[in-house]
């Protein structure tokens, strides 16, 4: 039986397959790279289909609480007096 390479990506060693190791050896695709921009736009369009919306979708990188805090911070609560 072949032993998979191990890499510490979590609380303990994680077994990786060949495809994962090969994909990790690819160059980093930066957020300003035209290929990334096309990929990001395509992903956003797929999410619009998933959520059946024509509005913009927001992809946030971070923990789930990041999106919750952002939504709460941008929510208009009650009425504002001028």
C-alpha atoms as a PDB file:
ATOM      1  CA  UNK A   1       0.000   0.000   0.000  1.00  0.00           C
ATOM      2  CA  UNK A   2       1.363   3.393  -0.996  1.00  0.00           C
ATOM      3  CA  UNK A   3       1.751   5.927   1.823  1.00  0.00           C
ATOM      4  CA  UNK A   4       0.526   9.397   0.867  1.00  0.00           C
ATOM      5  CA  UNK A   5       2.729  12.414   1.567  1.00  0.00           C
ATOM      6  CA  UNK A   6       1.700  14.299   4.675  1.00  0.00           C
ATOM      7  CA  UNK A   7       1.407  18.016   5.238  1.00  0.00           C
ATOM      8  CA  UNK A   8       0.347  19.842   8.379  1.00  0.00           C
ATOM      9  CA  UNK A   9      -2.648  21.922   7.256  1.00  0.00           C
ATOM     10  CA  UNK A  10      -4.774  21.358  10.340  1.00  0.00           C
ATOM     11  CA  UNK A  11      -4.512  20.224  13.927  1.00  0.00           C
ATOM     12  CA  UNK A  12      -2.698  17.112  12.759  1.00  0.00           C
ATOM     13  CA  UNK A  13      -1.002  15.734   9.649  1.00  0.00           C
ATOM     14  CA  UNK A  14      -3.295  15.535   6.622  1.00  0.00           C
ATOM     15  CA  UNK A  15      -2.866  12.970   3.880  1.00  0.00           C
ATOM     16  CA  UNK A  16      -2.662  14.461   0.383  1.00  0.00           C
ATOM     17  CA  UNK A  17      -3.203  12.862  -2.977  1.00  0.00           C
ATOM     18  CA  UNK A  18      -1.121  13.473  -6.087  1.00  0.00           C
ATOM     19  CA  UNK A  19      -3.581  15.980  -7.594  1.00  0.00           C
ATOM     20  CA  UNK A  20      -3.470  18.158  -4.482  1.00  0.00           C
ATOM     21  CA  UNK A  21       0.325  18.173  -4.447  1.00  0.00           C
ATOM     22  CA  UNK A  22       0.421  18.972  -8.171  1.00  0.00           C
ATOM     23  CA  UNK A  23      -2.095  21.809  -7.779  1.00  0.00           C
ATOM     24  CA  UNK A  24      -0.117  23.304  -4.888  1.00  0.00           C
ATOM     25  CA  UNK A  25       2.968  23.472  -7.098  1.00  0.00           C
ATOM     26  CA  UNK A  26       1.222  25.806  -9.569  1.00  0.00           C
ATOM     27  CA  UNK A  27       2.150  29.507  -9.500  1.00  0.00           C
ATOM     28  CA  UNK A  28       0.116  31.787  -7.248  1.00  0.00           C
ATOM     29  CA  UNK A  29      -2.692  33.577  -9.080  1.00  0.00           C
ATOM     30  CA  UNK A  30      -2.892  37.095  -7.667  1.00  0.00           C
ATOM     31  CA  UNK A  31      -6.135  39.059  -7.385  1.00  0.00           C
ATOM     32  CA  UNK A  32      -5.007  41.559 -10.028  1.00  0.00           C
ATOM     33  CA  UNK A  33      -4.094  38.894 -12.591  1.00  0.00           C
ATOM     34  CA  UNK A  34      -6.482  38.984 -15.605  1.00  0.00           C
ATOM     35  CA  UNK A  35      -6.897  35.188 -15.354  1.00  0.00           C
ATOM     36  CA  UNK A  36      -8.025  35.543 -11.721  1.00  0.00           C
ATOM     37  CA  UNK A  37     -10.425  38.355 -12.609  1.00  0.00           C
ATOM     38  CA  UNK A  38     -12.033  36.172 -15.301  1.00  0.00           C
ATOM     39  CA  UNK A  39     -12.214  33.205 -12.917  1.00  0.00           C
ATOM     40  CA  UNK A  40     -13.722  35.362 -10.147  1.00  0.00           C
ATOM     41  CA  UNK A  41     -16.334  36.833 -12.499  1.00  0.00           C
ATOM     42  CA  UNK A  42     -17.252  33.353 -13.725  1.00  0.00           C
ATOM     43  CA  UNK A  43     -17.604  32.148 -10.124  1.00  0.00           C
ATOM     44  CA  UNK A  44     -19.826  35.123  -9.220  1.00  0.00           C
ATOM     45  CA  UNK A  45     -22.045  34.389 -12.223  1.00  0.00           C
ATOM     46  CA  UNK A  46     -22.363  30.768 -11.129  1.00  0.00           C
ATOM     47  CA  UNK A  47     -23.372  31.933  -7.642  1.00  0.00           C
ATOM     48  CA  UNK A  48     -26.016  34.206  -9.165  1.00  0.00           C
ATOM     49  CA  UNK A  49     -27.470  31.120 -10.841  1.00  0.00           C
ATOM     50  CA  UNK A  50     -27.352  29.147  -7.595  1.00  0.00           C
ATOM     51  CA  UNK A  51     -29.162  31.885  -5.657  1.00  0.00           C
ATOM     52  CA  UNK A  52     -31.498  32.820  -8.571  1.00  0.00           C
ATOM     53  CA  UNK A  53     -30.590  36.499  -8.442  1.00  0.00           C
ATOM     54  CA  UNK A  54     -29.562  39.248 -10.821  1.00  0.00           C
ATOM     55  CA  UNK A  55     -27.997  41.273  -8.019  1.00  0.00           C
ATOM     56  CA  UNK A  56     -24.284  41.303  -7.248  1.00  0.00           C
ATOM     57  CA  UNK A  57     -22.956  38.516  -5.062  1.00  0.00           C
ATOM     58  CA  UNK A  58     -20.151  39.023  -2.563  1.00  0.00           C
ATOM     59  CA  UNK A  59     -17.505  36.389  -1.917  1.00  0.00           C
ATOM     60  CA  UNK A  60     -15.771  37.057   1.385  1.00  0.00           C
ATOM     61  CA  UNK A  61     -12.578  35.312   2.407  1.00  0.00           C
ATOM     62  CA  UNK A  62     -12.619  34.669   6.126  1.00  0.00           C
ATOM     63  CA  UNK A  63     -14.544  33.001   8.884  1.00  0.00           C
ATOM     64  CA  UNK A  64     -18.339  32.891   8.741  1.00  0.00           C
ATOM     65  CA  UNK A  65     -18.525  35.508  11.475  1.00  0.00           C
ATOM     66  CA  UNK A  66     -16.890  37.997   9.064  1.00  0.00           C
ATOM     67  CA  UNK A  67     -19.916  37.913   6.777  1.00  0.00           C
ATOM     68  CA  UNK A  68     -22.331  38.028   9.725  1.00  0.00           C
ATOM     69  CA  UNK A  69     -20.606  41.058  11.223  1.00  0.00           C
ATOM     70  CA  UNK A  70     -20.517  42.752   7.833  1.00  0.00           C
ATOM     71  CA  UNK A  71     -24.232  42.153   7.304  1.00  0.00           C
ATOM     72  CA  UNK A  72     -25.070  43.356  10.821  1.00  0.00           C
ATOM     73  CA  UNK A  73     -22.861  46.428  10.460  1.00  0.00           C
ATOM     74  CA  UNK A  74     -24.544  47.390   7.194  1.00  0.00           C
ATOM     75  CA  UNK A  75     -28.095  46.719   8.294  1.00  0.00           C
ATOM     76  CA  UNK A  76     -30.243  49.755   8.907  1.00  0.00           C
ATOM     77  CA  UNK A  77     -31.913  49.240  12.260  1.00  0.00           C
ATOM     78  CA  UNK A  78     -34.879  51.378  13.216  1.00  0.00           C
ATOM     79  CA  UNK A  79     -35.215  54.935  12.022  1.00  0.00           C
ATOM     80  CA  UNK A  80     -32.589  57.598  12.136  1.00  0.00           C
ATOM     81  CA  UNK A  81     -33.428  61.094  13.254  1.00  0.00           C
ATOM     82  CA  UNK A  82     -31.716  63.992  11.532  1.00  0.00           C
END
